[in-house]
Amino acid sequence: MNSILINIDEKLKAKFDRTAKMEGKTRSEKVRELMSEYVARRDIANWIDGIWKDIGTKLKKAGYKQQDVEGMVKKVRKRRDGA
């Protein structure tokens, strides 16, 4: 595991340490958790995967099957390409 050295205000450090301790975590555990959450929220691939998963769930709930979706995609592509 690698280390990161940062400079922060002493009051902020103290508040952060207290907050982490209240959650039963060390400062390092909390920083790792926050960094992981930050990166996950900004990971475009993860975000897009979530959108596709949501779309798939809604289509399944509406009763559509994979063949239905494939057929609709082909139909739209034909229309778009002028065929």
Protein backbone atom coordinates (compact mmCIF):
# COMPACT_ATOMS: atom_id res chain seq x y z
CA MET A 1 0.00 0.00 0.00
CA ASN A 2 1.24 3.51 -0.81
CA SER A 3 1.14 6.64 1.31
CA ILE A 4 0.00 10.18 0.57
CA LEU A 5 1.23 13.17 2.51
CA ILE A 6 -1.17 16.11 2.74
CA ASN A 7 -1.16 19.35 4.69
CA ILE A 8 -4.38 20.35 6.44
CA ASP A 9 -5.44 22.80 9.10
CA GLU A 10 -4.96 21.44 12.64
CA LYS A 11 -8.61 22.14 13.58
CA LEU A 12 -9.87 20.27 10.53
CA LYS A 13 -7.55 17.35 11.33
CA ALA A 14 -8.84 17.18 14.89
CA LYS A 15 -12.48 17.28 13.76
CA PHE A 16 -11.79 14.65 11.11
CA ASP A 17 -10.09 12.38 13.63
CA ARG A 18 -13.03 12.72 16.06
CA THR A 19 -15.53 11.98 13.31
CA ALA A 20 -13.59 8.92 12.12
CA LYS A 21 -13.30 7.68 15.71
CA MET A 22 -17.08 8.06 16.22
CA GLU A 23 -17.52 5.78 13.20
CA GLY A 24 -15.07 3.30 14.70
CA LYS A 25 -12.51 3.92 11.96
CA THR A 26 -8.96 5.13 11.83
CA ARG A 27 -8.03 8.30 9.98
CA SER A 28 -6.46 6.22 7.21
CA GLU A 29 -9.52 3.97 6.88
CA LYS A 30 -11.79 6.99 6.58
CA VAL A 31 -9.56 8.73 4.02
CA ARG A 32 -9.42 5.53 1.92
CA GLU A 33 -13.21 5.22 2.13
CA LEU A 34 -13.76 8.85 1.12
CA MET A 35 -11.28 8.60 -1.76
CA SER A 36 -12.94 5.41 -3.03
CA GLU A 37 -16.37 7.05 -2.92
CA TYR A 38 -15.04 10.17 -4.65
CA VAL A 39 -13.46 8.18 -7.49
CA ALA A 40 -16.52 5.93 -7.87
CA ARG A 41 -18.83 8.94 -8.20
CA ARG A 42 -16.65 10.40 -10.91
CA ASP A 43 -15.93 7.15 -12.77
CA ILE A 44 -17.74 7.70 -16.09
CA ALA A 45 -17.62 4.01 -17.05
CA ASN A 46 -19.25 3.05 -13.76
CA TRP A 47 -21.86 5.78 -14.24
CA ILE A 48 -22.70 4.59 -17.77
CA ASP A 49 -22.89 0.97 -16.61
CA GLY A 50 -25.38 2.09 -13.97
CA ILE A 51 -27.52 3.80 -16.61
CA TRP A 52 -27.55 0.67 -18.80
CA LYS A 53 -28.43 -1.49 -15.78
CA ASP A 54 -31.29 0.86 -14.91
CA ILE A 55 -32.57 0.79 -18.51
CA GLY A 56 -32.36 -3.01 -18.57
CA THR A 57 -34.28 -3.29 -15.32
CA LYS A 58 -37.03 -0.98 -16.58
CA LEU A 59 -37.31 -2.88 -19.89
CA LYS A 60 -37.56 -6.22 -18.06
CA LYS A 61 -40.25 -4.83 -15.75
CA ALA A 62 -42.16 -3.64 -18.82
CA GLY A 63 -42.03 -7.19 -20.19
CA TYR A 64 -39.50 -6.69 -22.98
CA LYS A 65 -37.12 -9.51 -23.87
CA GLN A 66 -33.62 -9.24 -25.35
CA GLN A 67 -34.97 -10.19 -28.79
CA ASP A 68 -37.47 -7.31 -28.59
CA VAL A 69 -34.73 -4.80 -27.87
CA GLU A 70 -32.47 -6.19 -30.60
CA GLY A 71 -35.36 -5.91 -33.08
CA MET A 72 -36.06 -2.32 -32.08
CA VAL A 73 -32.39 -1.38 -32.42
CA LYS A 74 -32.23 -2.90 -35.91
CA LYS A 75 -35.41 -1.07 -36.91
CA VAL A 76 -34.11 2.30 -35.70
CA ARG A 77 -30.72 1.75 -37.39
CA LYS A 78 -32.41 0.93 -40.70
CA ARG A 79 -34.57 4.04 -40.45
CA ARG A 80 -31.56 6.17 -39.55
CA ASP A 81 -29.45 4.79 -42.40
CA GLY A 82 -32.28 5.38 -44.86
CA ALA A 83 -32.75 1.72 -45.73
